[in-house]
Amino acid sequence: MTTLNEMANSKVTVIIKTKENILQSFFKGLVTFSFLAFCIYISQGSTWWTFITGSMFLIYSLAKVGNVINKAANVFDNKKDAIAYIEELSNE
């Protein structure tokens, strides 16, 4: 049986969160919620379009989250490689 310590030592994932200012954050939220509002607006009075636009929004949201995670995450086989990567970033 694998212990928790062995699992923790097997792979290392480093997630770098990029900094953004308030204006960028506001604009990202505005674009996302404008898309949601558009989906709700065009689906008024129709069960079929409510389903389609709701599905489109869920797919869009999942793709967006997946894209952010894939861009920000790096997986290393051991801690030494992860530390070297972080030190390399801090030297830039």
PDB file of N, CA and C in Angstrom:
ATOM      1  N   MET A   1       0.834  -1.180   0.000  1.00  0.00           N
ATOM      2  CA  MET A   1       0.000   0.000   0.000  1.00  0.00           C
ATOM      3  C   MET A   1       0.884   1.250   0.000  1.00  0.00           C
ATOM      4  N   THR A   2       0.513   2.236  -0.797  1.00  0.00           N
ATOM      5  CA  THR A   2       1.266   3.481  -0.903  1.00  0.00           C
ATOM      6  C   THR A   2       0.917   4.395   0.256  1.00  0.00           C
ATOM      7  N   THR A   3       1.959   4.909   0.890  1.00  0.00           N
ATOM      8  CA  THR A   3       1.711   5.826   1.999  1.00  0.00           C
ATOM      9  C   THR A   3       1.546   7.244   1.466  1.00  0.00           C
ATOM     10  N   LEU A   4       1.021   8.083   2.299  1.00  0.00           N
ATOM     11  CA  LEU A   4       0.813   9.480   1.924  1.00  0.00           C
ATOM     12  C   LEU A   4       2.141  10.174   1.645  1.00  0.00           C
ATOM     13  N   ASN A   5       3.160   9.831   2.415  1.00  0.00           N
ATOM     14  CA  ASN A   5       4.478  10.425   2.222  1.00  0.00           C
ATOM     15  C   ASN A   5       5.076  10.023   0.873  1.00  0.00           C
ATOM     16  N   GLU A   6       4.907   8.766   0.471  1.00  0.00           N
ATOM     17  CA  GLU A   6       5.402   8.313  -0.828  1.00  0.00           C
ATOM     18  C   GLU A   6       4.686   9.023  -1.965  1.00  0.00           C
ATOM     19  N   MET A   7       3.378   9.223  -1.819  1.00  0.00           N
ATOM     20  CA  MET A   7       2.616   9.924  -2.843  1.00  0.00           C
ATOM     21  C   MET A   7       3.077  11.377  -2.947  1.00  0.00           C
ATOM     22  N   ALA A   8       3.348  12.002  -1.840  1.00  0.00           N
ATOM     23  CA  ALA A   8       3.777  13.401  -1.845  1.00  0.00           C
ATOM     24  C   ALA A   8       5.155  13.552  -2.472  1.00  0.00           C
ATOM     25  N   ASN A   9       5.998  12.549  -2.339  1.00  0.00           N
ATOM     26  CA  ASN A   9       7.355  12.633  -2.869  1.00  0.00           C
ATOM     27  C   ASN A   9       7.463  12.177  -4.324  1.00  0.00           C
ATOM     28  N   SER A  10       6.405  11.608  -4.886  1.00  0.00           N
ATOM     29  CA  SER A  10       6.505  11.053  -6.230  1.00  0.00           C
ATOM     30  C   SER A  10       6.464  12.115  -7.326  1.00  0.00           C
ATOM     31  N   LYS A  11       5.596  13.073  -7.253  1.00  0.00           N
ATOM     32  CA  LYS A  11       5.475  14.129  -8.264  1.00  0.00           C
ATOM     33  C   LYS A  11       5.318  15.466  -7.567  1.00  0.00           C
ATOM     34  N   VAL A  12       5.801  16.505  -8.223  1.00  0.00           N
ATOM     35  CA  VAL A  12       5.677  17.860  -7.692  1.00  0.00           C
ATOM     36  C   VAL A  12       5.029  18.715  -8.767  1.00  0.00           C
ATOM     37  N   THR A  13       3.967  19.421  -8.417  1.00  0.00           N
ATOM     38  CA  THR A  13       3.294  20.327  -9.336  1.00  0.00           C
ATOM     39  C   THR A  13       3.502  21.758  -8.857  1.00  0.00           C
ATOM     40  N   VAL A  14       3.955  22.594  -9.764  1.00  0.00           N
ATOM     41  CA  VAL A  14       4.163  24.011  -9.448  1.00  0.00           C
ATOM     42  C   VAL A  14       3.161  24.812 -10.253  1.00  0.00           C
ATOM     43  N   ILE A  15       2.353  25.610  -9.566  1.00  0.00           N
ATOM     44  CA  ILE A  15       1.369  26.464 -10.229  1.00  0.00           C
ATOM     45  C   ILE A  15       1.777  27.909  -9.996  1.00  0.00           C
ATOM     46  N   ILE A  16       2.015  28.617 -11.077  1.00  0.00           N
ATOM     47  CA  ILE A  16       2.408  30.019 -11.007  1.00  0.00           C
ATOM     48  C   ILE A  16       1.184  30.859 -11.356  1.00  0.00           C
ATOM     49  N   LYS A  17       0.729  31.664 -10.418  1.00  0.00           N
ATOM     50  CA  LYS A  17      -0.423  32.529 -10.660  1.00  0.00           C
ATOM     51  C   LYS A  17       0.087  33.888 -11.115  1.00  0.00           C
ATOM     52  N   THR A  18      -0.294  34.250 -12.326  1.00  0.00           N
ATOM     53  CA  THR A  18       0.143  35.545 -12.835  1.00  0.00           C
ATOM     54  C   THR A  18      -0.614  36.669 -12.141  1.00  0.00           C
ATOM     55  N   LYS A  19       0.077  37.767 -11.948  1.00  0.00           N
ATOM     56  CA  LYS A  19      -0.557  38.912 -11.303  1.00  0.00           C
ATOM     57  C   LYS A  19      -1.309  39.721 -12.346  1.00  0.00           C
ATOM     58  N   GLU A  20      -2.442  40.260 -11.935  1.00  0.00           N
ATOM     59  CA  GLU A  20      -3.204  41.132 -12.816  1.00  0.00           C
ATOM     60  C   GLU A  20      -3.712  42.304 -11.999  1.00  0.00           C
ATOM     61  N   ASN A  21      -3.894  43.413 -12.670  1.00  0.00           N
ATOM     62  CA  ASN A  21      -4.382  44.573 -11.942  1.00  0.00           C
ATOM     63  C   ASN A  21      -5.914  44.547 -11.894  1.00  0.00           C
ATOM     64  N   ILE A  22      -6.479  45.491 -11.196  1.00  0.00           N
ATOM     65  CA  ILE A  22      -7.931  45.512 -10.983  1.00  0.00           C
ATOM     66  C   ILE A  22      -8.673  45.708 -12.304  1.00  0.00           C
ATOM     67  N   LEU A  23      -8.138  46.529 -13.184  1.00  0.00           N
ATOM     68  CA  LEU A  23      -8.789  46.783 -14.469  1.00  0.00           C
ATOM     69  C   LEU A  23      -8.844  45.499 -15.318  1.00  0.00           C
ATOM     70  N   GLN A  24      -7.753  44.747 -15.356  1.00  0.00           N
ATOM     71  CA  GLN A  24      -7.739  43.492 -16.107  1.00  0.00           C
ATOM     72  C   GLN A  24      -8.725  42.496 -15.511  1.00  0.00           C
ATOM     73  N   SER A  25      -8.755  42.396 -14.202  1.00  0.00           N
ATOM     74  CA  SER A  25      -9.678  41.479 -13.535  1.00  0.00           C
ATOM     75  C   SER A  25     -11.127  41.864 -13.817  1.00  0.00           C
ATOM     76  N   PHE A  26     -11.430  43.158 -13.748  1.00  0.00           N
ATOM     77  CA  PHE A  26     -12.780  43.646 -14.025  1.00  0.00           C
ATOM     78  C   PHE A  26     -13.177  43.329 -15.462  1.00  0.00           C
ATOM     79  N   PHE A  27     -12.274  43.546 -16.411  1.00  0.00           N
ATOM     80  CA  PHE A  27     -12.565  43.297 -17.817  1.00  0.00           C
ATOM     81  C   PHE A  27     -12.812  41.811 -18.073  1.00  0.00           C
ATOM     82  N   LYS A  28     -12.009  40.938 -17.464  1.00  0.00           N
ATOM     83  CA  LYS A  28     -12.220  39.502 -17.622  1.00  0.00           C
ATOM     84  C   LYS A  28     -13.593  39.090 -17.090  1.00  0.00           C
ATOM     85  N   GLY A  29     -13.945  39.596 -15.913  1.00  0.00           N
ATOM     86  CA  GLY A  29     -15.250  39.282 -15.341  1.00  0.00           C
ATOM     87  C   GLY A  29     -16.388  39.834 -16.180  1.00  0.00           C
ATOM     88  N   LEU A  30     -16.209  41.037 -16.714  1.00  0.00           N
ATOM     89  CA  LEU A  30     -17.224  41.655 -17.557  1.00  0.00           C
ATOM     90  C   LEU A  30     -17.471  40.840 -18.819  1.00  0.00           C
ATOM     91  N   VAL A  31     -16.408  40.385 -19.456  1.00  0.00           N
ATOM     92  CA  VAL A  31     -16.549  39.582 -20.674  1.00  0.00           C
ATOM     93  C   VAL A  31     -17.263  38.268 -20.369  1.00  0.00           C
ATOM     94  N   THR A  32     -16.858  37.598 -19.313  1.00  0.00           N
ATOM     95  CA  THR A  32     -17.472  36.317 -18.956  1.00  0.00           C
ATOM     96  C   THR A  32     -18.953  36.486 -18.634  1.00  0.00           C
ATOM     97  N   PHE A  33     -19.286  37.456 -17.803  1.00  0.00           N
ATOM     98  CA  PHE A  33     -20.679  37.622 -17.414  1.00  0.00           C
ATOM     99  C   PHE A  33     -21.527  38.245 -18.522  1.00  0.00           C
ATOM    100  N   SER A  34     -20.910  38.969 -19.444  1.00  0.00           N
ATOM    101  CA  SER A  34     -21.647  39.445 -20.621  1.00  0.00           C
ATOM    102  C   SER A  34     -22.055  38.271 -21.491  1.00  0.00           C
ATOM    103  N   PHE A  35     -21.158  37.313 -21.627  1.00  0.00           N
ATOM    104  CA  PHE A  35     -21.488  36.099 -22.382  1.00  0.00           C
ATOM    105  C   PHE A  35     -22.641  35.352 -21.711  1.00  0.00           C
ATOM    106  N   LEU A  36     -22.613  35.224 -20.392  1.00  0.00           N
ATOM    107  CA  LEU A  36     -23.702  34.574 -19.667  1.00  0.00           C
ATOM    108  C   LEU A  36     -25.009  35.340 -19.844  1.00  0.00           C
ATOM    109  N   ALA A  37     -24.959  36.652 -19.732  1.00  0.00           N
ATOM    110  CA  ALA A  37     -26.168  37.467 -19.903  1.00  0.00           C
ATOM    111  C   ALA A  37     -26.728  37.311 -21.322  1.00  0.00           C
ATOM    112  N   PHE A  38     -25.850  37.265 -22.321  1.00  0.00           N
ATOM    113  CA  PHE A  38     -26.289  37.057 -23.703  1.00  0.00           C
ATOM    114  C   PHE A  38     -26.967  35.705 -23.855  1.00  0.00           C
ATOM    115  N   CYS A  39     -26.388  34.668 -23.253  1.00  0.00           N
ATOM    116  CA  CYS A  39     -26.992  33.331 -23.309  1.00  0.00           C
ATOM    117  C   CYS A  39     -28.380  33.320 -22.674  1.00  0.00           C
ATOM    118  N   ILE A  40     -28.520  33.973 -21.544  1.00  0.00           N
ATOM    119  CA  ILE A  40     -29.820  34.031 -20.871  1.00  0.00           C
ATOM    120  C   ILE A  40     -30.818  34.832 -21.696  1.00  0.00           C
ATOM    121  N   TYR A  41     -30.365  35.938 -22.291  1.00  0.00           N
ATOM    122  CA  TYR A  41     -31.250  36.797 -23.084  1.00  0.00           C
ATOM    123  C   TYR A  41     -31.808  36.061 -24.303  1.00  0.00           C
ATOM    124  N   ILE A  42     -30.964  35.350 -25.042  1.00  0.00           N
ATOM    125  CA  ILE A  42     -31.452  34.697 -26.260  1.00  0.00           C
ATOM    126  C   ILE A  42     -32.261  33.444 -25.967  1.00  0.00           C
ATOM    127  N   SER A  43     -32.210  32.956 -24.730  1.00  0.00           N
ATOM    128  CA  SER A  43     -32.947  31.734 -24.419  1.00  0.00           C
ATOM    129  C   SER A  43     -34.304  31.992 -23.773  1.00  0.00           C
ATOM    130  N   GLN A  44     -34.738  33.240 -23.704  1.00  0.00           N
ATOM    131  CA  GLN A  44     -36.012  33.550 -23.057  1.00  0.00           C
ATOM    132  C   GLN A  44     -37.164  32.875 -23.787  1.00  0.00           C
ATOM    133  N   GLY A  45     -37.976  32.161 -23.036  1.00  0.00           N
ATOM    134  CA  GLY A  45     -39.187  31.567 -23.583  1.00  0.00           C
ATOM    135  C   GLY A  45     -38.974  30.285 -24.370  1.00  0.00           C
ATOM    136  N   SER A  46     -37.794  29.727 -24.380  1.00  0.00           N
ATOM    137  CA  SER A  46     -37.545  28.512 -25.139  1.00  0.00           C
ATOM    138  C   SER A  46     -36.720  27.542 -24.306  1.00  0.00           C
ATOM    139  N   THR A  47     -37.305  26.396 -24.027  1.00  0.00           N
ATOM    140  CA  THR A  47     -36.594  25.380 -23.260  1.00  0.00           C
ATOM    141  C   THR A  47     -35.390  24.862 -24.041  1.00  0.00           C
ATOM    142  N   TRP A  48     -35.553  24.681 -25.358  1.00  0.00           N
ATOM    143  CA  TRP A  48     -34.472  24.170 -26.192  1.00  0.00           C
ATOM    144  C   TRP A  48     -33.274  25.118 -26.167  1.00  0.00           C
ATOM    145  N   TRP A  49     -33.522  26.409 -26.378  1.00  0.00           N
ATOM    146  CA  TRP A  49     -32.419  27.360 -26.393  1.00  0.00           C
ATOM    147  C   TRP A  49     -31.827  27.572 -25.004  1.00  0.00           C
ATOM    148  N   THR A  50     -32.644  27.423 -23.984  1.00  0.00           N
ATOM    149  CA  THR A  50     -32.106  27.494 -22.627  1.00  0.00           C
ATOM    150  C   THR A  50     -31.106  26.370 -22.413  1.00  0.00           C
ATOM    151  N   PHE A  51     -31.445  25.175 -22.859  1.00  0.00           N
ATOM    152  CA  PHE A  51     -30.540  24.036 -22.744  1.00  0.00           C
ATOM    153  C   PHE A  51     -29.265  24.265 -23.564  1.00  0.00           C
ATOM    154  N   ILE A  52     -29.424  24.707 -24.802  1.00  0.00           N
ATOM    155  CA  ILE A  52     -28.265  24.911 -25.690  1.00  0.00           C
ATOM    156  C   ILE A  52     -27.341  25.996 -25.135  1.00  0.00           C
ATOM    157  N   THR A  53     -27.897  27.145 -24.763  1.00  0.00           N
ATOM    158  CA  THR A  53     -27.040  28.238 -24.288  1.00  0.00           C
ATOM    159  C   THR A  53     -26.431  27.911 -22.922  1.00  0.00           C
ATOM    160  N   GLY A  54     -27.178  27.219 -22.078  1.00  0.00           N
ATOM    161  CA  GLY A  54     -26.612  26.778 -20.798  1.00  0.00           C
ATOM    162  C   GLY A  54     -25.454  25.818 -21.008  1.00  0.00           C
ATOM    163  N   SER A  55     -25.616  24.891 -21.943  1.00  0.00           N
ATOM    164  CA  SER A  55     -24.540  23.948 -22.265  1.00  0.00           C
ATOM    165  C   SER A  55     -23.339  24.678 -22.846  1.00  0.00           C
ATOM    166  N   MET A  56     -23.596  25.655 -23.723  1.00  0.00           N
ATOM    167  CA  MET A  56     -22.498  26.431 -24.303  1.00  0.00           C
ATOM    168  C   MET A  56     -21.725  27.161 -23.205  1.00  0.00           C
ATOM    169  N   PHE A  57     -22.439  27.739 -22.258  1.00  0.00           N
ATOM    170  CA  PHE A  57     -21.762  28.468 -21.196  1.00  0.00           C
ATOM    171  C   PHE A  57     -20.954  27.531 -20.311  1.00  0.00           C
ATOM    172  N   LEU A  58     -21.510  26.355 -19.989  1.00  0.00           N
ATOM    173  CA  LEU A  58     -20.756  25.395 -19.175  1.00  0.00           C
ATOM    174  C   LEU A  58     -19.506  24.916 -19.892  1.00  0.00           C
ATOM    175  N   ILE A  59     -19.616  24.620 -21.168  1.00  0.00           N
ATOM    176  CA  ILE A  59     -18.455  24.176 -21.950  1.00  0.00           C
ATOM    177  C   ILE A  59     -17.416  25.294 -22.008  1.00  0.00           C
ATOM    178  N   TYR A  60     -17.873  26.509 -22.242  1.00  0.00           N
ATOM    179  CA  TYR A  60     -16.969  27.660 -22.273  1.00  0.00           C
ATOM    180  C   TYR A  60     -16.251  27.823 -20.932  1.00  0.00           C
ATOM    181  N   SER A  61     -16.991  27.731 -19.847  1.00  0.00           N
ATOM    182  CA  SER A  61     -16.399  27.905 -18.520  1.00  0.00           C
ATOM    183  C   SER A  61     -15.383  26.817 -18.221  1.00  0.00           C
ATOM    184  N   LEU A  62     -15.722  25.568 -18.529  1.00  0.00           N
ATOM    185  CA  LEU A  62     -14.789  24.466 -18.283  1.00  0.00           C
ATOM    186  C   LEU A  62     -13.535  24.597 -19.142  1.00  0.00           C
ATOM    187  N   ALA A  63     -13.704  25.010 -20.385  1.00  0.00           N
ATOM    188  CA  ALA A  63     -12.548  25.198 -21.264  1.00  0.00           C
ATOM    189  C   ALA A  63     -11.656  26.321 -20.740  1.00  0.00           C
ATOM    190  N   LYS A  64     -12.272  27.372 -20.239  1.00  0.00           N
ATOM    191  CA  LYS A  64     -11.515  28.509 -19.705  1.00  0.00           C
ATOM    192  C   LYS A  64     -10.711  28.083 -18.468  1.00  0.00           C
ATOM    193  N   VAL A  65     -11.341  27.352 -17.578  1.00  0.00           N
ATOM    194  CA  VAL A  65     -10.663  26.882 -16.372  1.00  0.00           C
ATOM    195  C   VAL A  65      -9.535  25.926 -16.749  1.00  0.00           C
ATOM    196  N   GLY A  66      -9.800  25.009 -17.658  1.00  0.00           N
ATOM    197  CA  GLY A  66      -8.768  24.078 -18.105  1.00  0.00           C
ATOM    198  C   GLY A  66      -7.595  24.773 -18.745  1.00  0.00           C
ATOM    199  N   ASN A  67      -7.876  25.802 -19.522  1.00  0.00           N
ATOM    200  CA  ASN A  67      -6.823  26.564 -20.177  1.00  0.00           C
ATOM    201  C   ASN A  67      -5.946  27.280 -19.153  1.00  0.00           C
ATOM    202  N   VAL A  68      -6.558  27.853 -18.151  1.00  0.00           N
ATOM    203  CA  VAL A  68      -5.802  28.550 -17.106  1.00  0.00           C
ATOM    204  C   VAL A  68      -4.929  27.568 -16.336  1.00  0.00           C
ATOM    205  N   ILE A  69      -5.474  26.413 -16.007  1.00  0.00           N
ATOM    206  CA  ILE A  69      -4.703  25.418 -15.256  1.00  0.00           C
ATOM    207  C   ILE A  69      -3.541  24.893 -16.092  1.00  0.00           C
ATOM    208  N   ASN A  70      -3.773  24.589 -17.352  1.00  0.00           N
ATOM    209  CA  ASN A  70      -2.706  24.058 -18.201  1.00  0.00           C
ATOM    210  C   ASN A  70      -1.586  25.062 -18.420  1.00  0.00           C
ATOM    211  N   LYS A  71      -1.915  26.351 -18.508  1.00  0.00           N
ATOM    212  CA  LYS A  71      -0.885  27.365 -18.709  1.00  0.00           C
ATOM    213  C   LYS A  71      -0.077  27.596 -17.441  1.00  0.00           C
ATOM    214  N   ALA A  72      -0.692  27.426 -16.287  1.00  0.00           N
ATOM    215  CA  ALA A  72      -0.041  27.805 -15.047  1.00  0.00           C
ATOM    216  C   ALA A  72       0.641  26.646 -14.325  1.00  0.00           C
ATOM    217  N   ALA A  73       0.404  25.407 -14.730  1.00  0.00           N
ATOM    218  CA  ALA A  73       0.918  24.270 -13.981  1.00  0.00           C
ATOM    219  C   ALA A  73       2.085  23.605 -14.701  1.00  0.00           C
ATOM    220  N   ASN A  74       3.089  23.276 -13.938  1.00  0.00           N
ATOM    221  CA  ASN A  74       4.228  22.501 -14.420  1.00  0.00           C
ATOM    222  C   ASN A  74       4.417  21.326 -13.475  1.00  0.00           C
ATOM    223  N   VAL A  75       4.572  20.126 -14.017  1.00  0.00           N
ATOM    224  CA  VAL A  75       4.730  18.928 -13.201  1.00  0.00           C
ATOM    225  C   VAL A  75       6.173  18.450 -13.323  1.00  0.00           C
ATOM    226  N   PHE A  76       6.770  18.158 -12.180  1.00  0.00           N
ATOM    227  CA  PHE A  76       8.150  17.697 -12.126  1.00  0.00           C
ATOM    228  C   PHE A  76       8.201  16.333 -11.450  1.00  0.00           C
ATOM    229  N   ASP A  77       9.231  15.563 -11.768  1.00  0.00           N
ATOM    230  CA  ASP A  77       9.364  14.220 -11.197  1.00  0.00           C
ATOM    231  C   ASP A  77       9.903  14.232  -9.770  1.00  0.00           C
ATOM    232  N   ASN A  78      10.626  15.285  -9.401  1.00  0.00           N
ATOM    233  CA  ASN A  78      11.144  15.351  -8.036  1.00  0.00           C
ATOM    234  C   ASN A  78      11.232  16.802  -7.570  1.00  0.00           C
ATOM    235  N   LYS A  79      11.497  16.949  -6.289  1.00  0.00           N
ATOM    236  CA  LYS A  79      11.515  18.283  -5.686  1.00  0.00           C
ATOM    237  C   LYS A  79      12.678  19.126  -6.194  1.00  0.00           C
ATOM    238  N   LYS A  80      13.820  18.492  -6.469  1.00  0.00           N
ATOM    239  CA  LYS A  80      14.999  19.244  -6.908  1.00  0.00           C
ATOM    240  C   LYS A  80      14.738  19.952  -8.231  1.00  0.00           C
ATOM    241  N   ASP A  81      14.061  19.273  -9.170  1.00  0.00           N
ATOM    242  CA  ASP A  81      13.734  19.900 -10.455  1.00  0.00           C
ATOM    243  C   ASP A  81      12.778  21.073 -10.265  1.00  0.00           C
ATOM    244  N   ALA A  82      11.812  20.899  -9.361  1.00  0.00           N
ATOM    245  CA  ALA A  82      10.847  21.971  -9.100  1.00  0.00           C
ATOM    246  C   ALA A  82      11.537  23.183  -8.480  1.00  0.00           C
ATOM    247  N   ILE A  83      12.436  22.938  -7.539  1.00  0.00           N
ATOM    248  CA  ILE A  83      13.154  24.037  -6.887  1.00  0.00           C
ATOM    249  C   ILE A  83      14.045  24.752  -7.898  1.00  0.00           C
ATOM    250  N   ALA A  84      14.706  23.991  -8.763  1.00  0.00           N
ATOM    251  CA  ALA A  84      15.552  24.610  -9.789  1.00  0.00           C
ATOM    252  C   ALA A  84      14.718  25.471 -10.735  1.00  0.00           C
ATOM    253  N   TYR A  85      13.539  25.003 -11.090  1.00  0.00           N
ATOM    254  CA  TYR A  85      12.646  25.771 -11.960  1.00  0.00           C
ATOM    255  C   TYR A  85      12.217  27.078 -11.291  1.00  0.00           C
ATOM    256  N   ILE A  86      11.843  27.009 -10.040  1.00  0.00           N
ATOM    257  CA  ILE A  86      11.399  28.205  -9.307  1.00  0.00           C
ATOM    258  C   ILE A  86      12.553  29.187  -9.154  1.00  0.00           C
ATOM    259  N   GLU A  87      13.749  28.683  -8.875  1.00  0.00           N
ATOM    260  CA  GLU A  87      14.902  29.562  -8.746  1.00  0.00           C
ATOM    261  C   GLU A  87      15.226  30.232 -10.080  1.00  0.00           C
ATOM    262  N   GLU A  88      15.060  29.486 -11.162  1.00  0.00           N
ATOM    263  CA  GLU A  88      15.287  30.049 -12.498  1.00  0.00           C
ATOM    264  C   GLU A  88      14.303  31.186 -12.780  1.00  0.00           C
ATOM    265  N   LEU A  89      13.063  31.003 -12.382  1.00  0.00           N
ATOM    266  CA  LEU A  89      12.053  32.057 -12.561  1.00  0.00           C
ATOM    267  C   LEU A  89      12.361  33.283 -11.713  1.00  0.00           C
ATOM    268  N   SER A  90      12.851  33.058 -10.508  1.00  0.00           N
ATOM    269  CA  SER A  90      13.121  34.196  -9.622  1.00  0.00           C
ATOM    270  C   SER A  90      14.341  34.981 -10.075  1.00  0.00           C
ATOM    271  N   ASN A  91      15.213  34.367 -10.857  1.00  0.00           N
ATOM    272  CA  ASN A  91      16.398  35.062 -11.369  1.00  0.00           C
ATOM    273  C   ASN A  91      16.094  35.921 -12.587  1.00  0.00           C
ATOM    274  N   GLU A  92      14.960  35.706 -13.222  1.00  0.00           N
ATOM    275  CA  GLU A  92      14.613  36.476 -14.426  1.00  0.00           C
ATOM    276  C   GLU A  92      14.215  37.885 -14.099  1.00  0.00           C
TER     277      GLU A  92
END
